[in-house]
Amino acid sequence: MTKMTPEQIATKPNLRKRIFAGLIDYTLLIGVTIVLFIYFGEKIENGYQLNGFPALVNALIWFSYLIGFEVKFGGTLGNLMFDLQVLSIKDNKTTNLTLWQSFKRHMFDILDLWFFGLLGIILIKNTQYNQRLGDLLAKTIVIDTKDSEQFYKRFT
């Protein structure tokens, strides 16, 4: 595997756009989850829970939205609304994400979003390519497609 060089990758934090994109995405997902709890949730001592098929549907919706959209379109609806694109920086011949990369990115969302996104913000502001934990582990970057100063050039 060849090491990436600054001439190949140029990113910016895009914090405001990334925060708003995340708010849109998680508002949609939490809204769908609330609807599922209202219609299919079972009352328990401290609230409600989803069991069986409704729980599976909820998991499939999260998976399809976060991972499916990223793999198919390069970003979720929130990302696309703010001209953000997730790119693979793995040593291969394409910048397209793999299913596994997208899954790894989102496996760590709970940590990146912990305490109002503090960990994600700290990492985005302090890593070489403005990556959050999920991006670091999945070998991905997020660029603003409308900013000509942000890019990832592959040399094959």
C-alpha atoms as a PDB file:
ATOM      1  CA  MET A   1       0.000   0.000   0.000  1.00  0.00           C
ATOM      2  CA  THR A   2       1.350   3.400  -0.947  1.00  0.00           C
ATOM      3  CA  LYS A   3       1.279   6.232   1.543  1.00  0.00           C
ATOM      4  CA  MET A   4      -1.003   9.146   0.755  1.00  0.00           C
ATOM      5  CA  THR A   5       0.711  12.469   0.189  1.00  0.00           C
ATOM      6  CA  PRO A   6      -0.615  15.990   0.737  1.00  0.00           C
ATOM      7  CA  GLU A   7      -0.516  16.496  -3.034  1.00  0.00           C
ATOM      8  CA  GLN A   8      -3.100  13.738  -3.413  1.00  0.00           C
ATOM      9  CA  ILE A   9      -5.576  14.787  -0.723  1.00  0.00           C
ATOM     10  CA  ALA A  10      -6.867  18.222   0.206  1.00  0.00           C
ATOM     11  CA  THR A  11      -9.706  18.519   2.719  1.00  0.00           C
ATOM     12  CA  LYS A  12     -11.202  21.102   5.024  1.00  0.00           C
ATOM     13  CA  PRO A  13     -13.178  20.494   8.226  1.00  0.00           C
ATOM     14  CA  ASN A  14     -16.510  21.610   6.666  1.00  0.00           C
ATOM     15  CA  LEU A  15     -17.793  21.492  10.257  1.00  0.00           C
ATOM     16  CA  ARG A  16     -20.924  23.568   9.808  1.00  0.00           C
ATOM     17  CA  LYS A  17     -22.024  21.581   6.757  1.00  0.00           C
ATOM     18  CA  ARG A  18     -21.192  18.252   8.419  1.00  0.00           C
ATOM     19  CA  ILE A  19     -23.113  19.164  11.575  1.00  0.00           C
ATOM     20  CA  PHE A  20     -26.209  20.265   9.651  1.00  0.00           C
ATOM     21  CA  ALA A  21     -26.031  17.203   7.396  1.00  0.00           C
ATOM     22  CA  GLY A  22     -25.854  14.986  10.476  1.00  0.00           C
ATOM     23  CA  LEU A  23     -28.805  16.782  12.056  1.00  0.00           C
ATOM     24  CA  ILE A  24     -30.894  16.182   8.947  1.00  0.00           C
ATOM     25  CA  ASP A  25     -29.917  12.512   8.735  1.00  0.00           C
ATOM     26  CA  TYR A  26     -30.475  11.710  12.384  1.00  0.00           C
ATOM     27  CA  THR A  27     -33.709  13.735  12.563  1.00  0.00           C
ATOM     28  CA  LEU A  28     -35.054  11.591   9.716  1.00  0.00           C
ATOM     29  CA  LEU A  29     -33.870   8.336  11.286  1.00  0.00           C
ATOM     30  CA  ILE A  30     -35.067   9.177  14.784  1.00  0.00           C
ATOM     31  CA  GLY A  31     -38.406  10.319  13.345  1.00  0.00           C
ATOM     32  CA  VAL A  32     -38.883   6.979  11.588  1.00  0.00           C
ATOM     33  CA  THR A  33     -37.892   5.147  14.774  1.00  0.00           C
ATOM     34  CA  ILE A  34     -40.413   7.147  16.826  1.00  0.00           C
ATOM     35  CA  VAL A  35     -43.166   6.275  14.347  1.00  0.00           C
ATOM     36  CA  LEU A  36     -42.227   2.591  14.623  1.00  0.00           C
ATOM     37  CA  PHE A  37     -42.307   2.803  18.427  1.00  0.00           C
ATOM     38  CA  ILE A  38     -45.702   4.535  18.387  1.00  0.00           C
ATOM     39  CA  TYR A  39     -47.322   1.979  16.095  1.00  0.00           C
ATOM     40  CA  PHE A  40     -45.441  -1.212  16.948  1.00  0.00           C
ATOM     41  CA  GLY A  41     -43.726  -0.620  20.287  1.00  0.00           C
ATOM     42  CA  GLU A  42     -44.566  -2.731  23.301  1.00  0.00           C
ATOM     43  CA  LYS A  43     -44.985  -1.030  26.670  1.00  0.00           C
ATOM     44  CA  ILE A  44     -42.408  -2.025  29.259  1.00  0.00           C
ATOM     45  CA  GLU A  45     -41.711  -0.759  32.757  1.00  0.00           C
ATOM     46  CA  ASN A  46     -39.628   2.271  31.723  1.00  0.00           C
ATOM     47  CA  GLY A  47     -41.031   2.992  28.280  1.00  0.00           C
ATOM     48  CA  TYR A  48     -41.400   1.076  25.039  1.00  0.00           C
ATOM     49  CA  GLN A  49     -39.380  -1.444  23.076  1.00  0.00           C
ATOM     50  CA  LEU A  50     -39.453  -2.888  19.591  1.00  0.00           C
ATOM     51  CA  ASN A  51     -39.372  -6.644  19.248  1.00  0.00           C
ATOM     52  CA  GLY A  52     -39.370  -9.084  16.358  1.00  0.00           C
ATOM     53  CA  PHE A  53     -40.147  -7.883  12.863  1.00  0.00           C
ATOM     54  CA  PRO A  54     -40.578  -4.162  13.769  1.00  0.00           C
ATOM     55  CA  ALA A  55     -37.117  -4.171  15.373  1.00  0.00           C
ATOM     56  CA  LEU A  56     -35.680  -5.794  12.244  1.00  0.00           C
ATOM     57  CA  VAL A  57     -37.429  -3.226  10.036  1.00  0.00           C
ATOM     58  CA  ASN A  58     -35.952  -0.424  12.134  1.00  0.00           C
ATOM     59  CA  ALA A  59     -32.437  -1.856  11.816  1.00  0.00           C
ATOM     60  CA  LEU A  60     -32.894  -2.337   8.055  1.00  0.00           C
ATOM     61  CA  ILE A  61     -34.055   1.260   7.629  1.00  0.00           C
ATOM     62  CA  TRP A  62     -30.989   2.567   9.487  1.00  0.00           C
ATOM     63  CA  PHE A  63     -28.679   0.288   7.491  1.00  0.00           C
ATOM     64  CA  SER A  64     -30.304   1.092   4.141  1.00  0.00           C
ATOM     65  CA  TYR A  65     -30.325   4.816   4.732  1.00  0.00           C
ATOM     66  CA  LEU A  66     -26.877   5.382   6.211  1.00  0.00           C
ATOM     67  CA  ILE A  67     -24.911   2.710   4.402  1.00  0.00           C
ATOM     68  CA  GLY A  68     -27.002   2.156   1.272  1.00  0.00           C
ATOM     69  CA  PHE A  69     -27.196   5.842   0.375  1.00  0.00           C
ATOM     70  CA  GLU A  70     -23.492   6.350   0.996  1.00  0.00           C
ATOM     71  CA  VAL A  71     -22.445   3.445  -1.177  1.00  0.00           C
ATOM     72  CA  LYS A  72     -24.907   4.257  -3.980  1.00  0.00           C
ATOM     73  CA  PHE A  73     -24.727   8.085  -4.004  1.00  0.00           C
ATOM     74  CA  GLY A  74     -21.525   8.969  -2.131  1.00  0.00           C
ATOM     75  CA  GLY A  75     -23.430  10.383   0.836  1.00  0.00           C
ATOM     76  CA  THR A  76     -26.672  10.459   2.755  1.00  0.00           C
ATOM     77  CA  LEU A  77     -29.459  12.930   1.963  1.00  0.00           C
ATOM     78  CA  GLY A  78     -27.991  15.324   4.527  1.00  0.00           C
ATOM     79  CA  ASN A  79     -24.548  15.080   2.922  1.00  0.00           C
ATOM     80  CA  LEU A  80     -25.935  15.540  -0.564  1.00  0.00           C
ATOM     81  CA  MET A  81     -28.014  18.564   0.484  1.00  0.00           C
ATOM     82  CA  PHE A  82     -24.799  20.246   1.644  1.00  0.00           C
ATOM     83  CA  ASP A  83     -22.658  19.093  -1.304  1.00  0.00           C
ATOM     84  CA  LEU A  84     -20.604  16.724   0.863  1.00  0.00           C
ATOM     85  CA  GLN A  85     -19.243  13.491  -0.536  1.00  0.00           C
ATOM     86  CA  VAL A  86     -17.600  10.581   1.243  1.00  0.00           C
ATOM     87  CA  LEU A  87     -14.611   9.166  -0.641  1.00  0.00           C
ATOM     88  CA  SER A  88     -12.491   6.085  -0.123  1.00  0.00           C
ATOM     89  CA  ILE A  89      -8.764   6.709   0.324  1.00  0.00           C
ATOM     90  CA  LYS A  90      -7.908   3.022   0.392  1.00  0.00           C
ATOM     91  CA  ASP A  91      -5.230   1.913  -2.010  1.00  0.00           C
ATOM     92  CA  ASN A  92      -7.496   0.801  -4.833  1.00  0.00           C
ATOM     93  CA  LYS A  93      -8.511   2.122  -8.224  1.00  0.00           C
ATOM     94  CA  THR A  94     -11.684   3.978  -7.255  1.00  0.00           C
ATOM     95  CA  THR A  95     -12.818   6.606  -4.792  1.00  0.00           C
ATOM     96  CA  ASN A  96     -16.167   4.820  -4.390  1.00  0.00           C
ATOM     97  CA  LEU A  97     -16.922   3.492  -0.946  1.00  0.00           C
ATOM     98  CA  THR A  98     -17.335  -0.177  -0.334  1.00  0.00           C
ATOM     99  CA  LEU A  99     -20.194  -1.541   1.739  1.00  0.00           C
ATOM    100  CA  TRP A 100     -17.687  -2.556   4.417  1.00  0.00           C
ATOM    101  CA  GLN A 101     -16.133   0.938   4.553  1.00  0.00           C
ATOM    102  CA  SER A 102     -19.502   2.590   4.980  1.00  0.00           C
ATOM    103  CA  PHE A 103     -20.462   0.058   7.647  1.00  0.00           C
ATOM    104  CA  LYS A 104     -17.219   0.744   9.542  1.00  0.00           C
ATOM    105  CA  ARG A 105     -17.783   4.523   9.297  1.00  0.00           C
ATOM    106  CA  HIS A 106     -21.192   4.229  10.903  1.00  0.00           C
ATOM    107  CA  MET A 107     -20.263   1.590  13.473  1.00  0.00           C
ATOM    108  CA  PHE A 108     -18.553   4.395  15.371  1.00  0.00           C
ATOM    109  CA  ASP A 109     -21.253   7.077  14.994  1.00  0.00           C
ATOM    110  CA  ILE A 110     -22.261   6.679  18.635  1.00  0.00           C
ATOM    111  CA  LEU A 111     -18.707   7.544  19.728  1.00  0.00           C
ATOM    112  CA  ASP A 112     -18.349  10.373  17.202  1.00  0.00           C
ATOM    113  CA  LEU A 113     -21.665  11.852  18.348  1.00  0.00           C
ATOM    114  CA  TRP A 114     -20.986  11.323  22.062  1.00  0.00           C
ATOM    115  CA  PHE A 115     -21.483  14.425  24.215  1.00  0.00           C
ATOM    116  CA  PHE A 116     -22.961  16.598  21.440  1.00  0.00           C
ATOM    117  CA  GLY A 117     -20.419  15.401  18.875  1.00  0.00           C
ATOM    118  CA  LEU A 118     -17.408  16.562  20.868  1.00  0.00           C
ATOM    119  CA  LEU A 119     -15.168  13.628  19.915  1.00  0.00           C
ATOM    120  CA  GLY A 120     -16.085  13.931  16.233  1.00  0.00           C
ATOM    121  CA  ILE A 121     -15.463  17.690  16.218  1.00  0.00           C
ATOM    122  CA  ILE A 122     -12.110  17.339  18.003  1.00  0.00           C
ATOM    123  CA  LEU A 123     -10.981  14.669  15.552  1.00  0.00           C
ATOM    124  CA  ILE A 124     -12.222  16.552  12.475  1.00  0.00           C
ATOM    125  CA  LYS A 125     -10.367  19.676  13.566  1.00  0.00           C
ATOM    126  CA  ASN A 126      -7.148  17.888  14.547  1.00  0.00           C
ATOM    127  CA  THR A 127      -6.547  15.080  12.051  1.00  0.00           C
ATOM    128  CA  GLN A 128      -4.518  15.557   8.891  1.00  0.00           C
ATOM    129  CA  TYR A 129      -7.477  14.971   6.547  1.00  0.00           C
ATOM    130  CA  ASN A 130     -10.253  16.214   8.852  1.00  0.00           C
ATOM    131  CA  GLN A 131     -11.520  12.728   9.640  1.00  0.00           C
ATOM    132  CA  ARG A 132     -13.734  11.584  12.472  1.00  0.00           C
ATOM    133  CA  LEU A 133     -13.156   8.228  14.174  1.00  0.00           C
ATOM    134  CA  GLY A 134     -15.318   6.301  11.682  1.00  0.00           C
ATOM    135  CA  ASP A 135     -13.461   7.899   8.761  1.00  0.00           C
ATOM    136  CA  LEU A 136     -10.057   7.059  10.222  1.00  0.00           C
ATOM    137  CA  LEU A 137     -10.957   3.407  10.712  1.00  0.00           C
ATOM    138  CA  ALA A 138     -12.700   3.056   7.344  1.00  0.00           C
ATOM    139  CA  LYS A 139     -10.044   5.008   5.417  1.00  0.00           C
ATOM    140  CA  THR A 140     -12.478   7.599   4.098  1.00  0.00           C
ATOM    141  CA  ILE A 141     -12.592  11.374   3.798  1.00  0.00           C
ATOM    142  CA  VAL A 142     -15.435  13.872   3.399  1.00  0.00           C
ATOM    143  CA  ILE A 143     -15.047  16.683   0.893  1.00  0.00           C
ATOM    144  CA  ASP A 144     -17.209  19.603  -0.216  1.00  0.00           C
ATOM    145  CA  THR A 145     -17.817  18.980  -3.911  1.00  0.00           C
ATOM    146  CA  LYS A 146     -18.443  22.706  -4.554  1.00  0.00           C
ATOM    147  CA  ASP A 147     -15.030  23.696  -3.145  1.00  0.00           C
ATOM    148  CA  SER A 148     -12.372  23.272  -5.853  1.00  0.00           C
ATOM    149  CA  GLU A 149      -9.643  23.300  -3.184  1.00  0.00           C
ATOM    150  CA  GLN A 150     -10.865  19.955  -1.778  1.00  0.00           C
ATOM    151  CA  PHE A 151     -10.052  16.781  -3.660  1.00  0.00           C
ATOM    152  CA  TYR A 152      -8.558  13.334  -3.709  1.00  0.00           C
ATOM    153  CA  LYS A 153      -6.429  12.504  -6.741  1.00  0.00           C
ATOM    154  CA  ARG A 154      -5.522   8.890  -7.361  1.00  0.00           C
ATOM    155  CA  PHE A 155      -2.271   8.010  -9.068  1.00  0.00           C
ATOM    156  CA  THR A 156      -2.514   4.563 -10.601  1.00  0.00           C
END
